[in-house]
Amino acid sequence: MTETAPTPPTPGDIVAQVLDAHGVQPAQRPELDITYEPYAILGLADLLGECAIPETYVRNGALAQIVQVSGDVLAAQENTLPLAVVDVTPDMLRRLLARHTHLYKSRTKPNGDQARTPASPSVGVAKAVLSQTHWPQVRPLSGVVGSPVMRPDGTILQEPGYDEATRLYYAPVREVPHVPHLPTSADVARARSYLLDYVLADFPWADGGSRANFVALLMTPLLRPFIGGLAPLGAVSASAPGSGKTLLTDIPGKLYGATSRPWVQDDAELRKAITATLKTSSDPVVVFDNIGEFDQVDQPSLAKLLTSAAWSDRELGSSNQIGVPNDRLWLVTGNNISFGGDMPSRTVLVVLDPRMPNPDLRTGFTIPDLTEWLEDAGNLATLLHQLLVLARAWVVEGAPKAELSMRNFRRWARAMAGFTGWLGVPGFMANADQLASHDEEAATWHAFLATWHTMFGDTPKSASDLLKSAEVPFPGPPGADPWEGTFLTRADGTRPSPRGLGKMLSGKQGRFYGEYTVRGVLDKKTKVWRYYVDRVRAEAPVGAEPAHV
């Protein structure tokens, strides 16, 4: 008897065997005929919209996946998120569809039967599917967090997985003790002492305001979902190297996860760094470290970022525009940081001043080596637990707030003023006036306008008149400069042209530097702008007519 040769496996059999080896049963996978591209595009979009692929989310209109990354060089480090969020690319979509769906192309055999051949969509089809921006049934994703956070209703997200209320995915990086729903007074006293008398006990705060400001910044990633709104820049400045500024920013960085970048003075390069950070990292804290001695925090891109709920920019290396939520805590560090532009009004200042030479040689700390202490997962879990107890207790007691005005950040300022007051840490934002003294641009303009007002009063002068008044005969006797070095100069130290000075003055009309501001008057006959300095008494009450002197 002749044996019948075994029937060779069909492509469908092979695919079924591979999927079975990976634990995916054919019956579990939706089927779709992708023979004709138009129907394939619509059908695949419907499949994705019905959540046929697990762990798929939507953020900013684009599909994204929560994935594990093998061989990550950072995976062994503490506080590294075990999961990452990546946008679904056309190639990635083809792979996911091969694993979770049964796609095929059909044809009619000569005998009239229908044959199905396993298939994958073309790259063009995949791109067309992913071009859709509205996915109403796909869960929206704000990000992945490695630590418990507070929900908008004041409860605490403590259970791993996706949270509908916050749209966050909680992937614990360490085991944090459960936070009681109603903390007791003993819980609060213990948590307060742990934070203030233990962890922060030995930092050389320049003033009480610096300590209160840091506590507010430290609590921001935890409380922000509950508070809402924008948060200002946190600037940690020290009088000398070795004062502990980097170690201070390590505390929120280790607790919540941080991306650390070297400071970039050039505004265009800083904008690129901001875009890359928001696009590629989900860390709640971003630190621009070690601002140079001759640098100044005055970049328009940074000022814009701090007052924007979402950041829009061109994606690096392409013409695509990206938009990502700005939900981070932004920090900068440096020695004697100077500020300019709009940054003083958008910054909270923390100053460390050890008042001694060689502060890095200090000993006798409550925690002998805080750097090593922060590397211990158990210590971080305990600290985070105590902060969560304080946050929850503040909410349970009605989240008391205090009236405090901070342009663009009033909601944050009122909440943090209330929290630090409730905690018994006085001085929140009490050092805000120091930021104005750090503003070199404001100081330069104040000196220029004060000298101008002394020399000419309120008599209008053209830009050419002002430049002529600053000419010093050469050689001239000492002190021959009537402006005493306060006249405006360009970045290279030279004086501007009449046209350049006119632009500088017109751009500052109505903006006060101390009690001085520039006013312009157009000469209707010559069409030449003339300017004068208006001085307004600083003690004029808010809402009253300015008192001119």
Protein backbone atom coordinates (compact mmCIF):
# COMPACT_ATOMS: atom_id res chain seq x y z
CA MET A 1 0.00 0.00 0.00
CA THR A 2 1.43 3.32 -1.05
CA GLU A 3 1.70 5.91 1.70
CA THR A 4 0.21 9.32 0.99
CA ALA A 5 2.71 12.16 1.26
CA PRO A 6 1.90 14.60 4.07
CA THR A 7 0.23 17.77 2.96
CA PRO A 8 2.68 20.68 3.25
CA PRO A 9 1.61 23.36 5.70
CA THR A 10 -0.03 26.43 4.25
CA PRO A 11 1.17 29.94 5.14
CA GLY A 12 -1.86 30.22 7.38
CA ASP A 13 -0.82 27.06 9.25
CA ILE A 14 2.67 28.45 9.79
CA VAL A 15 1.36 31.76 11.13
CA ALA A 16 -1.05 29.91 13.44
CA GLN A 17 1.79 27.77 14.81
CA VAL A 18 3.96 30.83 15.49
CA LEU A 19 1.12 32.65 17.24
CA ASP A 20 0.26 29.55 19.24
CA ALA A 21 3.88 29.34 20.41
CA HIS A 22 3.50 32.88 21.71
CA GLY A 23 0.28 32.11 23.54
CA VAL A 24 -2.03 33.84 21.06
CA GLN A 25 -4.91 31.63 19.95
CA PRO A 26 -6.48 32.28 16.52
CA ALA A 27 -9.94 32.38 18.04
CA GLN A 28 -8.87 35.29 20.18
CA ARG A 29 -7.78 37.41 17.24
CA PRO A 30 -10.15 39.52 15.14
CA GLU A 31 -10.05 38.83 11.41
CA LEU A 32 -9.97 41.32 8.57
CA ASP A 33 -9.71 41.06 4.82
CA ILE A 34 -7.14 43.61 3.60
CA THR A 35 -7.19 42.65 -0.07
CA TYR A 36 -8.37 46.09 -1.16
CA GLU A 37 -6.52 49.07 0.28
CA PRO A 38 -9.46 51.46 0.81
CA TYR A 39 -11.37 48.85 2.83
CA ALA A 40 -8.16 47.83 4.62
CA ILE A 41 -7.54 51.39 5.80
CA LEU A 42 -11.06 51.84 7.13
CA GLY A 43 -11.24 48.35 8.62
CA LEU A 44 -7.89 48.64 10.41
CA ALA A 45 -8.83 52.05 11.81
CA ASP A 46 -12.02 50.51 13.17
CA LEU A 47 -10.08 47.60 14.72
CA LEU A 48 -7.68 49.95 16.48
CA GLY A 49 -10.54 52.17 17.57
CA GLU A 50 -12.19 49.13 19.16
CA CYS A 51 -9.00 48.47 21.17
CA ALA A 52 -8.07 45.26 19.32
CA ILE A 53 -4.44 45.78 20.34
CA PRO A 54 -3.86 45.72 24.12
CA GLU A 55 -1.98 48.42 26.02
CA THR A 56 -2.66 50.95 23.28
CA TYR A 57 -3.51 54.50 24.28
CA VAL A 58 -3.90 57.87 22.62
CA ARG A 59 -1.98 61.00 23.50
CA ASN A 60 -2.17 64.25 21.57
CA GLY A 61 -4.17 62.53 18.85
CA ALA A 62 -1.54 59.85 18.16
CA LEU A 63 -1.66 56.18 19.15
CA ALA A 64 0.95 55.14 21.70
CA GLN A 65 1.99 51.93 23.41
CA ILE A 66 3.24 51.24 26.92
CA VAL A 67 6.19 48.93 26.41
CA GLN A 68 9.05 47.25 28.21
CA VAL A 69 12.57 47.84 26.90
CA SER A 70 15.07 44.98 27.11
CA GLY A 71 18.73 45.65 27.71
CA ASP A 72 18.18 49.24 28.80
CA VAL A 73 21.47 50.46 30.27
CA LEU A 74 19.49 52.53 32.79
CA ALA A 75 17.19 49.70 33.83
CA ALA A 76 19.46 48.65 36.68
CA GLN A 77 19.42 52.12 38.22
CA GLU A 78 17.06 53.01 41.01
CA ASN A 79 14.01 55.15 40.17
CA THR A 80 14.05 54.10 36.51
CA LEU A 81 10.54 53.50 35.19
CA PRO A 82 10.06 49.84 34.25
CA LEU A 83 7.87 50.89 31.31
CA ALA A 84 8.13 53.44 28.53
CA VAL A 85 5.61 55.20 26.29
CA VAL A 86 6.35 55.17 22.56
CA ASP A 87 4.33 56.43 19.63
CA VAL A 88 3.07 53.72 17.29
CA THR A 89 5.00 53.87 14.01
CA PRO A 90 3.93 52.21 10.74
CA ASP A 91 6.45 49.38 11.21
CA MET A 92 5.40 48.94 14.82
CA LEU A 93 1.75 48.82 13.78
CA ARG A 94 2.49 46.05 11.26
CA ARG A 95 4.17 44.00 14.00
CA LEU A 96 1.34 44.54 16.48
CA LEU A 97 -1.28 43.61 13.91
CA ALA A 98 0.62 40.42 13.08
CA ARG A 99 0.56 39.43 16.75
CA HIS A 100 -2.95 40.43 17.74
CA THR A 101 -5.07 40.11 14.59
CA HIS A 102 -5.57 37.73 11.70
CA LEU A 103 -5.21 39.73 8.49
CA TYR A 104 -5.47 38.07 5.12
CA LYS A 105 -5.90 38.63 1.43
CA SER A 106 -8.48 36.59 -0.41
CA ARG A 107 -8.54 35.21 -3.93
CA THR A 108 -10.76 32.91 -5.93
CA LYS A 109 -9.27 29.57 -6.95
CA PRO A 110 -9.87 28.11 -10.43
CA ASN A 111 -12.43 25.75 -8.92
CA GLY A 112 -14.36 28.69 -7.46
CA ASP A 113 -13.31 28.20 -3.83
CA GLN A 114 -12.08 31.16 -1.79
CA ALA A 115 -8.51 31.05 -0.53
CA ARG A 116 -7.12 33.18 2.28
CA THR A 117 -3.44 34.09 2.50
CA PRO A 118 -2.08 35.68 5.70
CA ALA A 119 -0.90 39.20 4.97
CA SER A 120 0.34 42.42 6.51
CA PRO A 121 -0.75 45.88 5.48
CA SER A 122 1.66 47.87 3.37
CA VAL A 123 3.61 50.70 4.97
CA GLY A 124 1.43 53.14 3.06
CA VAL A 125 -1.72 51.62 4.50
CA ALA A 126 -0.22 51.69 8.00
CA LYS A 127 0.66 55.37 7.59
CA ALA A 128 -2.84 56.16 6.41
CA VAL A 129 -4.38 54.41 9.41
CA LEU A 130 -2.09 56.25 11.87
CA SER A 131 -2.91 59.60 10.29
CA GLN A 132 -6.26 59.49 12.08
CA THR A 133 -6.31 61.80 15.10
CA HIS A 134 -9.68 61.01 16.69
CA TRP A 135 -9.87 57.76 18.67
CA PRO A 136 -12.89 58.18 20.97
CA GLN A 137 -12.86 54.63 22.39
CA VAL A 138 -9.10 54.43 23.01
CA ARG A 139 -8.05 55.40 26.51
CA PRO A 140 -6.21 58.76 26.68
CA LEU A 141 -2.77 58.69 28.32
CA SER A 142 -1.13 61.62 30.08
CA GLY A 143 1.99 59.70 31.03
CA VAL A 144 3.59 56.99 33.12
CA VAL A 145 4.48 57.65 36.76
CA GLY A 146 6.65 55.55 39.01
CA SER A 147 5.37 56.95 42.29
CA PRO A 148 1.92 57.48 43.83
CA VAL A 149 0.36 60.84 43.00
CA MET A 150 -2.68 62.75 44.07
CA ARG A 151 -5.81 62.64 41.95
CA PRO A 152 -7.83 65.77 41.10
CA ASP A 153 -10.34 64.83 43.81
CA GLY A 154 -7.64 64.71 46.50
CA THR A 155 -7.43 60.94 46.83
CA ILE A 156 -4.15 59.18 46.12
CA LEU A 157 -3.38 56.96 43.17
CA GLN A 158 -1.72 53.96 44.82
CA GLU A 159 -2.88 50.97 42.74
CA PRO A 160 -0.62 49.94 39.81
CA GLY A 161 -2.04 50.17 36.30
CA TYR A 162 -4.08 52.68 34.33
CA ASP A 163 -6.06 55.26 36.31
CA GLU A 164 -9.13 56.74 34.64
CA ALA A 165 -9.26 59.82 36.87
CA THR A 166 -5.74 61.03 36.12
CA ARG A 167 -5.20 59.30 32.76
CA LEU A 168 -1.89 58.15 34.21
CA TYR A 169 -0.37 54.70 34.19
CA TYR A 170 1.20 53.87 37.54
CA ALA A 171 4.22 51.57 37.22
CA PRO A 172 5.84 51.45 40.69
CA VAL A 173 9.60 51.78 40.83
CA ARG A 174 9.60 50.93 44.54
CA GLU A 175 7.20 49.64 47.18
CA VAL A 176 5.69 52.59 49.03
CA PRO A 177 3.71 51.94 52.24
CA HIS A 178 -0.01 52.52 51.91
CA VAL A 179 -1.09 56.07 52.79
CA PRO A 180 -4.09 56.24 55.15
CA HIS A 181 -7.17 57.90 53.77
CA LEU A 182 -7.52 59.93 56.99
CA PRO A 183 -4.07 60.60 58.49
CA THR A 184 -4.00 61.21 62.24
CA SER A 185 -2.33 64.13 63.97
CA ALA A 186 0.42 61.73 65.03
CA ASP A 187 0.93 60.74 61.39
CA VAL A 188 1.27 64.40 60.40
CA ALA A 189 3.67 65.25 63.24
CA ARG A 190 5.86 62.27 62.35
CA ALA A 191 5.89 63.15 58.65
CA ARG A 192 6.66 66.81 59.29
CA SER A 193 9.59 65.99 61.57
CA TYR A 194 10.95 63.44 59.10
CA LEU A 195 11.01 66.04 56.33
CA LEU A 196 12.13 69.17 58.16
CA ASP A 197 14.19 67.87 61.07
CA TYR A 198 15.81 64.96 59.30
CA VAL A 199 16.02 65.12 55.50
CA LEU A 200 16.27 68.91 55.12
CA ALA A 201 17.86 69.63 58.51
CA ASP A 202 21.42 70.45 57.40
CA PHE A 203 20.99 72.52 54.25
CA PRO A 204 22.41 76.05 54.72
CA TRP A 205 19.30 78.04 53.82
CA ALA A 206 20.10 81.69 53.21
CA ASP A 207 16.71 82.64 54.69
CA GLY A 208 13.43 81.13 55.80
CA GLY A 209 11.89 81.91 52.44
CA SER A 210 14.34 79.61 50.69
CA ARG A 211 13.37 76.64 52.86
CA ALA A 212 9.64 77.29 52.42
CA ASN A 213 10.07 77.73 48.67
CA PHE A 214 11.91 74.42 48.37
CA VAL A 215 9.23 72.58 50.35
CA ALA A 216 6.66 74.01 47.92
CA LEU A 217 8.70 72.89 44.89
CA LEU A 218 9.23 69.45 46.42
CA MET A 219 5.48 69.00 46.89
CA THR A 220 4.56 70.29 43.42
CA PRO A 221 4.74 66.96 41.50
CA LEU A 222 2.52 65.34 44.15
CA LEU A 223 -0.06 68.11 44.48
CA ARG A 224 -0.20 69.43 40.93
CA PRO A 225 -3.02 67.13 39.73
CA PHE A 226 -5.10 68.37 42.67
CA ILE A 227 -4.08 72.03 42.42
CA GLY A 228 -4.13 72.29 38.62
CA GLY A 229 -2.64 75.15 36.66
CA LEU A 230 0.96 76.02 35.92
CA ALA A 231 4.01 75.89 38.15
CA PRO A 232 6.91 78.39 38.04
CA LEU A 233 10.60 77.72 37.52
CA GLY A 234 12.48 76.60 40.62
CA ALA A 235 15.95 78.16 40.83
CA VAL A 236 18.41 76.71 43.33
CA SER A 237 21.25 79.19 43.71
CA ALA A 238 24.28 79.00 46.00
CA SER A 239 26.79 81.55 47.16
CA ALA A 240 29.68 79.15 46.54
CA PRO A 241 30.42 75.72 45.06
CA GLY A 242 29.92 72.82 47.45
CA SER A 243 26.91 74.36 49.19
CA GLY A 244 24.58 71.48 48.27
CA LYS A 245 22.48 72.85 45.39
CA THR A 246 22.84 69.75 43.21
CA LEU A 247 22.17 67.50 46.19
CA LEU A 248 19.04 69.52 46.95
CA THR A 249 17.64 68.97 43.45
CA ASP A 250 18.55 65.29 43.72
CA ILE A 251 15.79 64.89 46.33
CA PRO A 252 12.83 65.47 43.96
CA GLY A 253 14.80 63.87 41.16
CA LYS A 254 15.29 60.61 43.03
CA LEU A 255 11.76 60.63 44.41
CA TYR A 256 9.84 61.21 41.21
CA GLY A 257 12.33 60.64 38.40
CA ALA A 258 14.33 63.40 36.73
CA THR A 259 15.92 64.27 33.42
CA SER A 260 19.10 66.26 33.95
CA ARG A 261 20.57 68.36 31.15
CA PRO A 262 23.51 70.79 31.03
CA TRP A 263 22.48 74.41 30.87
CA VAL A 264 22.31 75.94 27.37
CA GLN A 265 22.62 79.72 27.16
CA ASP A 266 21.64 80.05 23.49
CA ASP A 267 17.87 80.39 23.21
CA ALA A 268 17.54 78.34 20.01
CA GLU A 269 19.55 75.47 21.49
CA LEU A 270 17.59 75.67 24.75
CA ARG A 271 14.35 75.42 22.79
CA LYS A 272 15.64 72.26 21.10
CA ALA A 273 16.59 70.81 24.48
CA ILE A 274 13.11 71.55 25.86
CA THR A 275 11.43 69.92 22.86
CA ALA A 276 13.65 66.84 23.01
CA THR A 277 13.04 66.45 26.75
CA LEU A 278 9.25 66.70 26.48
CA LYS A 279 9.19 64.39 23.46
CA THR A 280 11.47 61.61 24.71
CA SER A 281 11.16 61.64 28.50
CA SER A 282 8.22 61.26 30.87
CA ASP A 283 10.18 62.16 34.01
CA PRO A 284 8.16 64.60 36.16
CA VAL A 285 11.25 66.68 37.01
CA VAL A 286 13.64 68.38 34.57
CA VAL A 287 16.87 69.93 35.85
CA PHE A 288 19.09 72.30 33.86
CA ASP A 289 22.27 72.02 35.86
CA ASN A 290 25.15 74.35 36.55
CA ILE A 291 24.37 77.70 34.94
CA GLY A 292 27.63 79.39 33.95
CA GLU A 293 29.14 82.25 35.91
CA PHE A 294 28.65 84.68 33.02
CA ASP A 295 25.31 83.29 31.86
CA GLN A 296 21.88 84.68 32.59
CA VAL A 297 18.47 83.05 32.79
CA ASP A 298 16.55 85.27 30.40
CA GLN A 299 15.67 83.02 27.45
CA PRO A 300 12.30 83.77 25.76
CA SER A 301 11.78 80.06 25.07
CA LEU A 302 12.00 79.22 28.77
CA ALA A 303 9.71 82.11 29.68
CA LYS A 304 7.18 80.91 27.12
CA LEU A 305 7.41 77.31 28.35
CA LEU A 306 6.58 78.23 31.94
CA THR A 307 3.36 79.98 30.97
CA SER A 308 2.19 77.34 28.46
CA ALA A 309 0.02 74.38 29.41
CA ALA A 310 1.22 72.67 26.22
CA TRP A 311 4.47 73.02 24.30
CA SER A 312 4.41 73.20 20.50
CA ASP A 313 7.50 73.06 18.34
CA ARG A 314 8.90 71.54 15.19
CA GLU A 315 10.14 68.02 15.73
CA LEU A 316 13.91 67.76 15.50
CA GLY A 317 15.07 66.52 12.12
CA SER A 318 11.69 66.89 10.42
CA SER A 319 9.03 69.41 9.46
CA ASN A 320 6.41 67.84 11.73
CA GLN A 321 4.89 69.97 14.47
CA ILE A 322 4.56 68.30 17.84
CA GLY A 323 2.43 69.29 20.80
CA VAL A 324 3.01 67.85 24.26
CA PRO A 325 1.59 68.75 27.69
CA ASN A 326 3.85 70.83 29.88
CA ASP A 327 3.30 69.02 33.17
CA ARG A 328 6.85 68.99 34.53
CA LEU A 329 8.64 70.67 37.41
CA TRP A 330 11.45 72.72 35.82
CA LEU A 331 14.54 73.45 37.93
CA VAL A 332 17.82 75.27 37.32
CA THR A 333 20.94 75.28 39.48
CA GLY A 334 23.98 77.52 39.63
CA ASN A 335 26.13 79.77 41.77
CA ASN A 336 24.74 83.29 42.21
CA ILE A 337 22.32 82.88 39.32
CA SER A 338 21.33 86.07 37.52
CA PHE A 339 17.98 86.57 35.82
CA GLY A 340 16.67 88.82 33.09
CA GLY A 341 13.77 89.41 30.74
CA ASP A 342 10.50 87.98 32.01
CA MET A 343 12.12 85.33 34.18
CA PRO A 344 12.13 87.06 37.61
CA SER A 345 8.31 87.09 37.69
CA ARG A 346 8.19 83.40 36.67
CA THR A 347 10.73 82.03 39.14
CA VAL A 348 10.75 80.82 42.73
CA LEU A 349 14.17 81.29 44.33
CA VAL A 350 15.95 78.94 46.73
CA VAL A 351 19.29 80.25 48.01
CA LEU A 352 21.93 78.29 49.92
CA ASP A 353 24.59 80.22 51.83
CA PRO A 354 26.91 78.21 54.14
CA ARG A 355 28.63 81.45 55.32
CA MET A 356 32.01 79.77 55.48
CA PRO A 357 34.97 78.92 53.24
CA ASN A 358 35.18 75.44 51.73
CA PRO A 359 31.59 74.44 52.50
CA ASP A 360 32.19 71.03 50.94
CA LEU A 361 34.36 70.15 53.95
CA ARG A 362 31.52 70.45 56.46
CA THR A 363 30.84 67.50 58.78
CA GLY A 364 28.43 66.47 61.53
CA PHE A 365 25.33 66.08 59.37
CA THR A 366 22.10 64.50 60.60
CA ILE A 367 22.33 62.19 57.58
CA PRO A 368 26.09 61.59 57.21
CA ASP A 369 25.97 61.02 53.43
CA LEU A 370 22.75 62.22 51.83
CA THR A 371 23.90 61.17 48.35
CA GLU A 372 24.27 57.57 49.50
CA TRP A 373 21.07 57.85 51.53
CA LEU A 374 19.12 58.83 48.40
CA GLU A 375 20.40 55.74 46.58
CA ASP A 376 18.58 53.47 49.02
CA ALA A 377 15.12 52.48 47.74
CA GLY A 378 13.83 51.99 51.29
CA ASN A 379 14.77 55.53 52.30
CA LEU A 380 13.09 56.98 49.23
CA ALA A 381 9.95 54.93 49.85
CA THR A 382 9.77 56.20 53.43
CA LEU A 383 10.29 59.83 52.41
CA LEU A 384 7.69 59.59 49.67
CA HIS A 385 5.24 58.00 52.10
CA GLN A 386 5.71 60.88 54.57
CA LEU A 387 5.19 63.49 51.85
CA LEU A 388 2.01 61.75 50.72
CA VAL A 389 0.76 61.71 54.31
CA LEU A 390 1.28 65.48 54.50
CA ALA A 391 -0.41 66.03 51.14
CA ARG A 392 -3.41 63.90 52.05
CA ALA A 393 -3.74 65.47 55.51
CA TRP A 394 -3.71 68.97 54.00
CA VAL A 395 -6.52 67.99 51.64
CA VAL A 396 -8.55 66.34 54.41
CA GLU A 397 -8.34 69.57 56.41
CA GLY A 398 -9.86 71.49 53.51
CA ALA A 399 -6.66 72.32 51.59
CA PRO A 400 -6.35 75.77 53.21
CA LYS A 401 -4.98 78.44 50.89
CA ALA A 402 -3.52 81.89 51.43
CA GLU A 403 -3.85 85.02 49.33
CA LEU A 404 -0.64 85.54 47.38
CA SER A 405 -0.29 87.17 44.00
CA MET A 406 2.08 85.66 41.44
CA ARG A 407 1.43 86.53 37.83
CA ASN A 408 0.60 83.45 35.71
CA PHE A 409 0.93 81.16 38.75
CA ARG A 410 -1.67 82.51 41.15
CA ARG A 411 -3.38 79.14 41.67
CA TRP A 412 -0.07 77.43 42.49
CA ALA A 413 1.10 80.30 44.72
CA ARG A 414 -2.14 80.44 46.74
CA ALA A 415 -2.12 76.67 47.28
CA MET A 416 1.55 76.48 48.25
CA ALA A 417 1.31 79.50 50.51
CA GLY A 418 -1.55 77.71 52.24
CA PHE A 419 0.28 74.39 52.41
CA THR A 420 3.54 75.79 53.83
CA GLY A 421 1.58 77.88 56.31
CA TRP A 422 -0.43 74.82 57.36
CA LEU A 423 2.80 72.86 57.71
CA GLY A 424 4.33 75.56 59.90
CA VAL A 425 7.09 76.59 57.48
CA PRO A 426 6.96 80.41 57.30
CA GLY A 427 8.41 82.71 54.66
CA PHE A 428 7.00 81.33 51.41
CA MET A 429 7.98 83.73 48.57
CA ALA A 430 9.38 86.20 51.11
CA ASN A 431 12.60 86.46 49.09
CA ALA A 432 10.87 87.37 45.82
CA ASP A 433 12.43 90.84 45.87
CA GLN A 434 15.86 89.23 45.47
CA LEU A 435 14.92 88.13 41.98
CA ALA A 436 14.51 91.75 40.91
CA SER A 437 18.00 92.56 42.19
CA HIS A 438 19.34 89.63 40.14
CA ASP A 439 17.80 91.09 36.99
CA GLU A 440 20.80 92.71 35.28
CA GLU A 441 18.71 94.08 32.43
CA ALA A 442 16.33 95.79 34.85
CA ALA A 443 19.24 97.20 36.85
CA THR A 444 20.88 98.55 33.68
CA TRP A 445 17.68 100.23 32.51
CA HIS A 446 16.93 101.62 35.97
CA ALA A 447 20.37 103.25 36.16
CA PHE A 448 20.04 104.63 32.62
CA LEU A 449 16.57 106.08 33.20
CA ALA A 450 17.50 107.54 36.59
CA THR A 451 20.48 109.37 35.10
CA TRP A 452 18.40 110.52 32.12
CA HIS A 453 15.71 111.94 34.44
CA THR A 454 18.34 113.72 36.55
CA MET A 455 19.93 115.31 33.45
CA PHE A 456 16.83 116.29 31.45
CA GLY A 457 13.79 115.95 33.68
CA ASP A 458 10.69 115.40 31.54
CA THR A 459 12.02 117.28 28.48
CA PRO A 460 11.57 115.07 25.38
CA LYS A 461 14.77 114.13 23.57
CA SER A 462 15.39 112.32 20.30
CA ALA A 463 17.65 109.30 20.16
CA SER A 464 20.27 111.43 18.36
CA ASP A 465 20.11 114.07 21.13
CA LEU A 466 20.70 111.42 23.77
CA LEU A 467 23.67 109.95 21.92
CA LYS A 468 25.24 113.39 21.49
CA SER A 469 24.87 114.03 25.21
CA ALA A 470 26.89 110.89 25.89
CA GLU A 471 29.85 111.89 23.71
CA VAL A 472 33.00 112.41 25.79
CA PRO A 473 35.83 114.49 24.32
CA PHE A 474 39.08 112.58 23.88
CA PRO A 475 41.26 112.95 25.74
CA GLY A 476 38.92 114.01 28.50
CA PRO A 477 39.43 114.63 32.19
CA PRO A 478 38.40 111.98 34.73
CA GLY A 479 34.67 112.07 35.33
CA ALA A 480 33.98 113.77 32.00
CA ASP A 481 31.21 111.27 31.16
CA PRO A 482 27.97 112.99 32.24
CA TRP A 483 26.19 109.63 32.21
CA GLU A 484 28.78 108.14 34.57
CA GLY A 485 28.84 104.87 32.64
CA THR A 486 25.08 104.28 32.75
CA PHE A 487 24.34 104.88 29.05
CA LEU A 488 22.95 101.86 27.23
CA THR A 489 25.28 99.71 25.17
CA ARG A 490 24.85 96.77 22.81
CA ALA A 491 25.93 93.22 23.63
CA ASP A 492 29.48 93.93 22.38
CA GLY A 493 29.84 96.96 24.67
CA THR A 494 29.48 99.62 21.96
CA ARG A 495 26.79 102.27 21.87
CA PRO A 496 23.85 101.78 19.54
CA SER A 497 23.13 103.89 16.47
CA PRO A 498 20.35 106.50 16.65
CA ARG A 499 18.06 104.08 14.84
CA GLY A 500 19.02 101.22 17.19
CA LEU A 501 18.55 103.37 20.31
CA GLY A 502 15.16 104.49 19.02
CA LYS A 503 14.05 100.87 18.68
CA MET A 504 15.30 100.08 22.18
CA LEU A 505 13.36 103.02 23.65
CA SER A 506 10.15 102.37 21.73
CA GLY A 507 10.21 98.75 22.87
CA LYS A 508 10.32 99.82 26.53
CA GLN A 509 7.55 102.42 26.50
CA GLY A 510 5.28 102.01 29.50
CA ARG A 511 7.42 99.35 31.17
CA PHE A 512 8.55 100.38 34.65
CA TYR A 513 12.03 99.90 36.00
CA GLY A 514 11.62 100.86 39.61
CA GLU A 515 9.81 104.19 39.53
CA TYR A 516 10.94 105.09 35.98
CA THR A 517 9.43 104.44 32.56
CA VAL A 518 9.91 105.75 29.02
CA ARG A 519 7.22 107.79 27.26
CA GLY A 520 7.26 108.69 23.58
CA VAL A 521 5.98 111.76 21.73
CA LEU A 522 5.77 111.93 17.92
CA ASP A 523 6.72 115.29 16.36
CA LYS A 524 4.02 115.64 13.70
CA LYS A 525 6.11 118.05 11.60
CA THR A 526 9.39 116.14 11.48
CA LYS A 527 7.86 112.68 12.06
CA VAL A 528 10.62 112.10 14.62
CA TRP A 529 9.93 110.35 17.91
CA ARG A 530 11.14 112.07 21.03
CA TYR A 531 11.24 110.41 24.43
CA TYR A 532 11.23 111.45 28.06
CA VAL A 533 11.41 109.67 31.41
CA ASP A 534 8.30 109.57 33.55
CA ARG A 535 8.93 109.07 37.24
CA VAL A 536 6.10 107.70 39.38
CA ARG A 537 6.19 107.52 43.14
CA ALA A 538 6.48 103.88 44.23
CA GLU A 539 4.09 104.47 47.13
CA ALA A 540 1.13 105.25 44.87
CA PRO A 541 -1.70 102.94 45.99
CA VAL A 542 -2.84 100.22 43.65
CA GLY A 543 -5.64 101.46 41.41
CA ALA A 544 -4.94 105.13 42.11
CA GLU A 545 -3.82 107.64 39.51
CA PRO A 546 0.02 107.74 39.25
CA ALA A 547 1.63 110.55 41.21
CA HIS A 548 4.26 112.16 38.97
CA VAL A 549 7.30 113.88 40.46
